Amino acid sequence: MNDPDLLQQTAEAFEQWRQQRTHKGVPIPDFLRHQAIELLEHHAISHVTKALRVCSAQLKAWSLQFAYRAQPPTEFVTLPMSAEEQEVASHIELELKLSNDNSLLMRGEVTPELLYLFIQQARQS
């Protein structure tokens, strides 16, 4: 498949999504964002923005989003703890208040994987 075909297929996918979304406030799905970013490897940003009907600022933001996600999560350093400390530390309550007045709350046992997902969700909100 050549590049103009991929640009056209992605534009059609964006249009299909626009027609099927329930309302205008629905964010563009990650798989479509990722496809748009991949087009930048073979097309000028102006061609991509025109075909997909998105602005260049969106494409740049998506590039940063996926560049961040491509990085593997940082490994946590495990420190030696007594059994008593472990019980207290594994059952915590963590609340993150976001600038848009939303908040994320995590309670219970916290693993590095859960903490990473919590941070990812906060970055997307």
N, C-alpha and C. Protein backbone atom coordinates (compact mmCIF):
# COMPACT_ATOMS: atom_id res chain seq x y z
N MET A 1 0.85 -1.17 0.00
CA MET A 1 0.00 0.00 0.00
C MET A 1 0.89 1.23 0.00
N ASN A 2 0.60 2.21 -0.87
CA ASN A 2 1.43 3.40 -0.88
C ASN A 2 0.89 4.45 0.08
N ASP A 3 1.69 5.49 0.29
CA ASP A 3 1.37 6.49 1.30
C ASP A 3 0.08 7.27 1.04
N PRO A 4 -0.22 7.68 -0.22
CA PRO A 4 -1.50 8.38 -0.43
C PRO A 4 -2.70 7.53 -0.04
N ASP A 5 -2.60 6.21 -0.27
CA ASP A 5 -3.69 5.32 0.13
C ASP A 5 -3.86 5.32 1.65
N LEU A 6 -2.75 5.31 2.38
CA LEU A 6 -2.80 5.31 3.84
C LEU A 6 -3.38 6.63 4.35
N LEU A 7 -3.00 7.72 3.74
CA LEU A 7 -3.56 9.03 4.11
C LEU A 7 -5.06 9.05 3.87
N GLN A 8 -5.49 8.55 2.74
CA GLN A 8 -6.92 8.52 2.41
C GLN A 8 -7.68 7.59 3.37
N GLN A 9 -7.12 6.43 3.65
CA GLN A 9 -7.79 5.50 4.56
C GLN A 9 -7.91 6.09 5.96
N THR A 10 -6.88 6.77 6.41
CA THR A 10 -6.93 7.39 7.73
C THR A 10 -7.95 8.52 7.75
N ALA A 11 -8.00 9.30 6.68
CA ALA A 11 -9.00 10.37 6.58
C ALA A 11 -10.41 9.79 6.62
N GLU A 12 -10.61 8.68 5.94
CA GLU A 12 -11.92 8.03 5.94
C GLU A 12 -12.26 7.49 7.34
N ALA A 13 -11.26 6.95 8.03
CA ALA A 13 -11.48 6.46 9.39
C ALA A 13 -11.86 7.61 10.33
N PHE A 14 -11.21 8.76 10.19
CA PHE A 14 -11.56 9.93 10.99
C PHE A 14 -12.98 10.37 10.69
N GLU A 15 -13.34 10.39 9.41
CA GLU A 15 -14.68 10.81 9.03
C GLU A 15 -15.74 9.84 9.56
N GLN A 16 -15.47 8.56 9.47
CA GLN A 16 -16.40 7.56 9.99
C GLN A 16 -16.58 7.74 11.49
N TRP A 17 -15.48 7.98 12.20
CA TRP A 17 -15.57 8.21 13.64
C TRP A 17 -16.42 9.45 13.93
N ARG A 18 -16.20 10.51 13.17
CA ARG A 18 -16.97 11.75 13.39
C ARG A 18 -18.46 11.51 13.19
N GLN A 19 -18.81 10.70 12.21
CA GLN A 19 -20.22 10.44 11.94
C GLN A 19 -20.85 9.55 13.00
N GLN A 20 -20.06 8.69 13.64
CA GLN A 20 -20.61 7.74 14.60
C GLN A 20 -20.53 8.20 16.05
N ARG A 21 -19.77 9.25 16.35
CA ARG A 21 -19.65 9.69 17.75
C ARG A 21 -20.99 10.22 18.23
N THR A 22 -21.19 10.12 19.53
CA THR A 22 -22.48 10.50 20.11
C THR A 22 -22.65 12.00 20.25
N HIS A 23 -21.55 12.73 20.48
CA HIS A 23 -21.59 14.19 20.53
C HIS A 23 -20.21 14.77 20.26
N LYS A 24 -20.13 16.06 20.02
CA LYS A 24 -18.88 16.68 19.59
C LYS A 24 -17.79 16.66 20.66
N GLY A 25 -18.13 16.51 21.91
CA GLY A 25 -17.15 16.53 22.98
C GLY A 25 -16.37 15.23 23.15
N VAL A 26 -16.69 14.21 22.39
CA VAL A 26 -16.02 12.91 22.51
C VAL A 26 -14.59 13.03 21.98
N PRO A 27 -13.60 12.67 22.80
CA PRO A 27 -12.21 12.78 22.33
C PRO A 27 -11.90 11.79 21.21
N ILE A 28 -10.98 12.17 20.37
CA ILE A 28 -10.55 11.30 19.27
C ILE A 28 -9.86 10.08 19.87
N PRO A 29 -10.23 8.88 19.47
CA PRO A 29 -9.63 7.67 20.05
C PRO A 29 -8.13 7.59 19.80
N ASP A 30 -7.44 6.95 20.71
CA ASP A 30 -5.98 6.82 20.62
C ASP A 30 -5.54 6.13 19.34
N PHE A 31 -6.27 5.13 18.88
CA PHE A 31 -5.82 4.43 17.67
C PHE A 31 -5.84 5.36 16.46
N LEU A 32 -6.80 6.30 16.41
CA LEU A 32 -6.82 7.26 15.31
C LEU A 32 -5.70 8.29 15.48
N ARG A 33 -5.45 8.70 16.72
CA ARG A 33 -4.36 9.64 16.97
C ARG A 33 -3.03 9.02 16.54
N HIS A 34 -2.86 7.76 16.88
CA HIS A 34 -1.61 7.07 16.53
C HIS A 34 -1.45 6.97 15.02
N GLN A 35 -2.52 6.66 14.32
CA GLN A 35 -2.46 6.60 12.85
C GLN A 35 -2.07 7.95 12.27
N ALA A 36 -2.63 9.02 12.83
CA ALA A 36 -2.31 10.37 12.34
C ALA A 36 -0.84 10.69 12.53
N ILE A 37 -0.29 10.32 13.67
CA ILE A 37 1.12 10.57 13.95
C ILE A 37 2.00 9.79 12.98
N GLU A 38 1.64 8.56 12.70
CA GLU A 38 2.43 7.75 11.77
C GLU A 38 2.46 8.35 10.37
N LEU A 39 1.40 9.05 10.00
CA LEU A 39 1.37 9.68 8.68
C LEU A 39 2.45 10.75 8.53
N LEU A 40 2.85 11.35 9.63
CA LEU A 40 3.85 12.42 9.59
C LEU A 40 5.22 11.92 9.14
N GLU A 41 5.43 10.61 9.18
CA GLU A 41 6.70 10.05 8.70
C GLU A 41 6.82 10.15 7.18
N HIS A 42 5.67 10.26 6.49
CA HIS A 42 5.67 10.24 5.03
C HIS A 42 4.99 11.45 4.39
N HIS A 43 4.36 12.29 5.19
CA HIS A 43 3.60 13.42 4.65
C HIS A 43 3.92 14.68 5.43
N ALA A 44 3.79 15.80 4.76
CA ALA A 44 3.94 17.10 5.42
C ALA A 44 2.78 17.29 6.40
N ILE A 45 3.07 17.98 7.48
CA ILE A 45 2.04 18.19 8.50
C ILE A 45 0.83 18.90 7.91
N SER A 46 1.04 19.80 6.95
CA SER A 46 -0.09 20.52 6.34
C SER A 46 -1.01 19.57 5.56
N HIS A 47 -0.43 18.56 4.91
CA HIS A 47 -1.26 17.58 4.18
C HIS A 47 -2.08 16.74 5.15
N VAL A 48 -1.46 16.35 6.26
CA VAL A 48 -2.15 15.53 7.26
C VAL A 48 -3.27 16.32 7.92
N THR A 49 -2.98 17.55 8.33
CA THR A 49 -4.01 18.34 9.01
C THR A 49 -5.20 18.61 8.08
N LYS A 50 -4.91 18.88 6.81
CA LYS A 50 -6.00 19.14 5.85
C LYS A 50 -6.83 17.89 5.60
N ALA A 51 -6.17 16.76 5.39
CA ALA A 51 -6.89 15.52 5.09
C ALA A 51 -7.72 15.03 6.28
N LEU A 52 -7.17 15.18 7.49
CA LEU A 52 -7.86 14.66 8.68
C LEU A 52 -8.75 15.70 9.35
N ARG A 53 -8.62 16.95 8.92
CA ARG A 53 -9.37 18.06 9.51
C ARG A 53 -9.08 18.20 11.00
N VAL A 54 -7.78 18.24 11.31
CA VAL A 54 -7.31 18.50 12.67
C VAL A 54 -6.27 19.62 12.59
N CYS A 55 -5.98 20.23 13.72
CA CYS A 55 -4.99 21.31 13.69
C CYS A 55 -3.60 20.77 14.02
N SER A 56 -2.61 21.54 13.64
CA SER A 56 -1.22 21.10 13.85
C SER A 56 -0.89 21.00 15.34
N ALA A 57 -1.52 21.83 16.16
CA ALA A 57 -1.27 21.76 17.62
C ALA A 57 -1.73 20.40 18.17
N GLN A 58 -2.84 19.89 17.65
CA GLN A 58 -3.31 18.58 18.08
C GLN A 58 -2.29 17.50 17.72
N LEU A 59 -1.80 17.54 16.50
CA LEU A 59 -0.83 16.54 16.07
C LEU A 59 0.44 16.59 16.92
N LYS A 60 0.89 17.79 17.24
CA LYS A 60 2.09 17.93 18.07
C LYS A 60 1.84 17.38 19.47
N ALA A 61 0.67 17.67 20.02
CA ALA A 61 0.33 17.15 21.35
C ALA A 61 0.25 15.63 21.33
N TRP A 62 -0.33 15.07 20.28
CA TRP A 62 -0.42 13.61 20.18
C TRP A 62 0.96 13.00 20.05
N SER A 63 1.85 13.67 19.31
CA SER A 63 3.22 13.16 19.19
C SER A 63 3.88 13.07 20.55
N LEU A 64 3.69 14.09 21.36
CA LEU A 64 4.25 14.08 22.72
C LEU A 64 3.61 12.99 23.56
N GLN A 65 2.31 12.82 23.41
CA GLN A 65 1.58 11.80 24.16
C GLN A 65 2.14 10.41 23.87
N PHE A 66 2.33 10.11 22.60
CA PHE A 66 2.80 8.77 22.25
C PHE A 66 4.29 8.61 22.49
N ALA A 67 5.04 9.69 22.44
CA ALA A 67 6.47 9.61 22.77
C ALA A 67 6.62 9.25 24.23
N TYR A 68 5.77 9.83 25.08
CA TYR A 68 5.81 9.52 26.51
C TYR A 68 5.42 8.07 26.75
N ARG A 69 4.37 7.62 26.07
CA ARG A 69 3.91 6.24 26.28
C ARG A 69 4.91 5.21 25.77
N ALA A 70 5.73 5.60 24.80
CA ALA A 70 6.71 4.66 24.25
C ALA A 70 7.83 4.37 25.24
N GLN A 71 7.99 5.24 26.21
CA GLN A 71 9.03 5.03 27.20
C GLN A 71 8.55 3.97 28.20
N PRO A 72 9.39 3.01 28.52
CA PRO A 72 8.97 2.00 29.50
C PRO A 72 8.84 2.64 30.88
N PRO A 73 7.96 2.09 31.69
CA PRO A 73 7.81 2.65 33.03
C PRO A 73 9.10 2.53 33.82
N THR A 74 9.35 3.53 34.62
CA THR A 74 10.53 3.53 35.46
C THR A 74 10.37 2.45 36.52
N GLU A 75 11.43 1.71 36.76
CA GLU A 75 11.39 0.70 37.79
C GLU A 75 11.42 1.35 39.17
N PHE A 76 10.65 0.83 40.06
CA PHE A 76 10.65 1.33 41.42
C PHE A 76 11.72 0.59 42.22
N VAL A 77 12.34 1.31 43.10
CA VAL A 77 13.36 0.72 43.96
C VAL A 77 12.67 0.23 45.22
N THR A 78 12.83 -1.03 45.51
CA THR A 78 12.22 -1.61 46.70
C THR A 78 13.18 -1.45 47.88
N LEU A 79 12.68 -0.82 48.92
CA LEU A 79 13.49 -0.64 50.12
C LEU A 79 13.09 -1.69 51.15
N PRO A 80 14.05 -2.17 51.92
CA PRO A 80 13.70 -3.16 52.95
C PRO A 80 12.79 -2.52 54.01
N MET A 81 11.74 -3.27 54.36
CA MET A 81 10.78 -2.78 55.36
C MET A 81 10.40 -3.91 56.29
N SER A 82 10.05 -3.55 57.49
CA SER A 82 9.58 -4.55 58.43
C SER A 82 8.18 -4.98 58.01
N ALA A 83 7.70 -6.10 58.53
CA ALA A 83 6.37 -6.60 58.20
C ALA A 83 5.30 -5.58 58.57
N GLU A 84 5.49 -4.92 59.69
CA GLU A 84 4.53 -3.91 60.14
C GLU A 84 4.48 -2.73 59.16
N GLU A 85 5.65 -2.27 58.72
CA GLU A 85 5.72 -1.18 57.77
C GLU A 85 5.11 -1.58 56.42
N GLN A 86 5.33 -2.82 56.01
CA GLN A 86 4.79 -3.29 54.74
C GLN A 86 3.27 -3.28 54.76
N GLU A 87 2.68 -3.71 55.86
CA GLU A 87 1.22 -3.75 55.95
C GLU A 87 0.64 -2.35 55.85
N VAL A 88 1.25 -1.40 56.52
CA VAL A 88 0.77 -0.02 56.48
C VAL A 88 0.98 0.57 55.08
N ALA A 89 2.15 0.32 54.49
CA ALA A 89 2.48 0.92 53.20
C ALA A 89 1.66 0.34 52.05
N SER A 90 1.28 -0.93 52.14
CA SER A 90 0.57 -1.54 51.03
C SER A 90 -0.91 -1.16 50.99
N HIS A 91 -1.42 -0.62 52.08
CA HIS A 91 -2.82 -0.20 52.12
C HIS A 91 -2.87 1.30 52.34
N ILE A 92 -2.79 2.01 51.23
CA ILE A 92 -2.78 3.46 51.32
C ILE A 92 -3.96 4.04 50.57
N GLU A 93 -4.16 5.31 50.76
CA GLU A 93 -5.15 6.06 50.00
C GLU A 93 -4.42 7.21 49.34
N LEU A 94 -4.54 7.28 48.02
CA LEU A 94 -3.84 8.29 47.23
C LEU A 94 -4.88 9.02 46.40
N GLU A 95 -4.97 10.34 46.60
CA GLU A 95 -5.91 11.15 45.83
C GLU A 95 -5.13 12.21 45.08
N LEU A 96 -5.46 12.35 43.81
CA LEU A 96 -4.82 13.34 42.95
C LEU A 96 -5.88 14.29 42.45
N LYS A 97 -5.75 15.57 42.79
CA LYS A 97 -6.69 16.59 42.34
C LYS A 97 -6.11 17.23 41.09
N LEU A 98 -6.90 17.24 40.02
CA LEU A 98 -6.46 17.76 38.74
C LEU A 98 -6.90 19.21 38.56
N SER A 99 -6.24 19.89 37.64
CA SER A 99 -6.54 21.30 37.41
C SER A 99 -7.95 21.53 36.87
N ASN A 100 -8.56 20.50 36.27
CA ASN A 100 -9.92 20.65 35.74
C ASN A 100 -10.99 20.31 36.78
N ASP A 101 -10.61 20.33 38.05
CA ASP A 101 -11.50 20.07 39.20
C ASP A 101 -11.92 18.61 39.33
N ASN A 102 -11.37 17.72 38.53
CA ASN A 102 -11.60 16.29 38.70
C ASN A 102 -10.57 15.75 39.68
N SER A 103 -10.83 14.58 40.20
CA SER A 103 -9.84 13.95 41.06
C SER A 103 -9.83 12.44 40.81
N LEU A 104 -8.69 11.85 41.06
CA LEU A 104 -8.52 10.41 40.94
C LEU A 104 -8.18 9.89 42.33
N LEU A 105 -8.79 8.78 42.71
CA LEU A 105 -8.58 8.23 44.04
C LEU A 105 -8.20 6.77 43.92
N MET A 106 -7.14 6.39 44.63
CA MET A 106 -6.70 5.00 44.66
C MET A 106 -6.61 4.59 46.13
N ARG A 107 -7.25 3.47 46.44
CA ARG A 107 -7.22 2.95 47.81
C ARG A 107 -6.81 1.49 47.78
N GLY A 108 -6.17 1.06 48.83
CA GLY A 108 -5.84 -0.35 48.96
C GLY A 108 -4.40 -0.64 48.69
N GLU A 109 -4.15 -1.83 48.22
CA GLU A 109 -2.78 -2.26 47.95
C GLU A 109 -2.30 -1.61 46.66
N VAL A 110 -1.15 -1.01 46.71
CA VAL A 110 -0.61 -0.28 45.56
C VAL A 110 0.63 -1.01 45.05
N THR A 111 0.57 -1.39 43.78
CA THR A 111 1.73 -2.01 43.14
C THR A 111 2.34 -0.98 42.20
N PRO A 112 3.58 -1.18 41.79
CA PRO A 112 4.17 -0.25 40.81
C PRO A 112 3.35 -0.15 39.53
N GLU A 113 2.76 -1.24 39.09
CA GLU A 113 1.96 -1.23 37.88
C GLU A 113 0.72 -0.36 38.04
N LEU A 114 0.04 -0.49 39.19
CA LEU A 114 -1.15 0.32 39.45
C LEU A 114 -0.78 1.80 39.56
N LEU A 115 0.33 2.09 40.20
CA LEU A 115 0.76 3.47 40.32
C LEU A 115 1.06 4.06 38.95
N TYR A 116 1.70 3.28 38.08
CA TYR A 116 1.99 3.74 36.73
C TYR A 116 0.69 4.03 35.96
N LEU A 117 -0.30 3.14 36.06
CA LEU A 117 -1.59 3.36 35.40
C LEU A 117 -2.29 4.60 35.94
N PHE A 118 -2.17 4.81 37.25
CA PHE A 118 -2.75 5.98 37.91
C PHE A 118 -2.14 7.26 37.33
N ILE A 119 -0.83 7.28 37.17
CA ILE A 119 -0.13 8.44 36.62
C ILE A 119 -0.53 8.65 35.16
N GLN A 120 -0.62 7.56 34.39
CA GLN A 120 -1.03 7.66 32.99
C GLN A 120 -2.42 8.28 32.87
N GLN A 121 -3.34 7.83 33.71
CA GLN A 121 -4.70 8.36 33.68
C GLN A 121 -4.72 9.83 34.05
N ALA A 122 -3.91 10.21 35.01
CA ALA A 122 -3.84 11.61 35.41
C ALA A 122 -3.32 12.48 34.27
N ARG A 123 -2.36 11.97 33.51
CA ARG A 123 -1.80 12.75 32.40
C ARG A 123 -2.82 12.94 31.28
N GLN A 124 -3.73 11.99 31.11
CA GLN A 124 -4.72 12.07 30.06
C GLN A 124 -5.90 12.95 30.44
N SER A 125 -6.10 13.15 31.72
CA SER A 125 -7.26 13.93 32.17
C SER A 125 -7.01 15.42 32.10
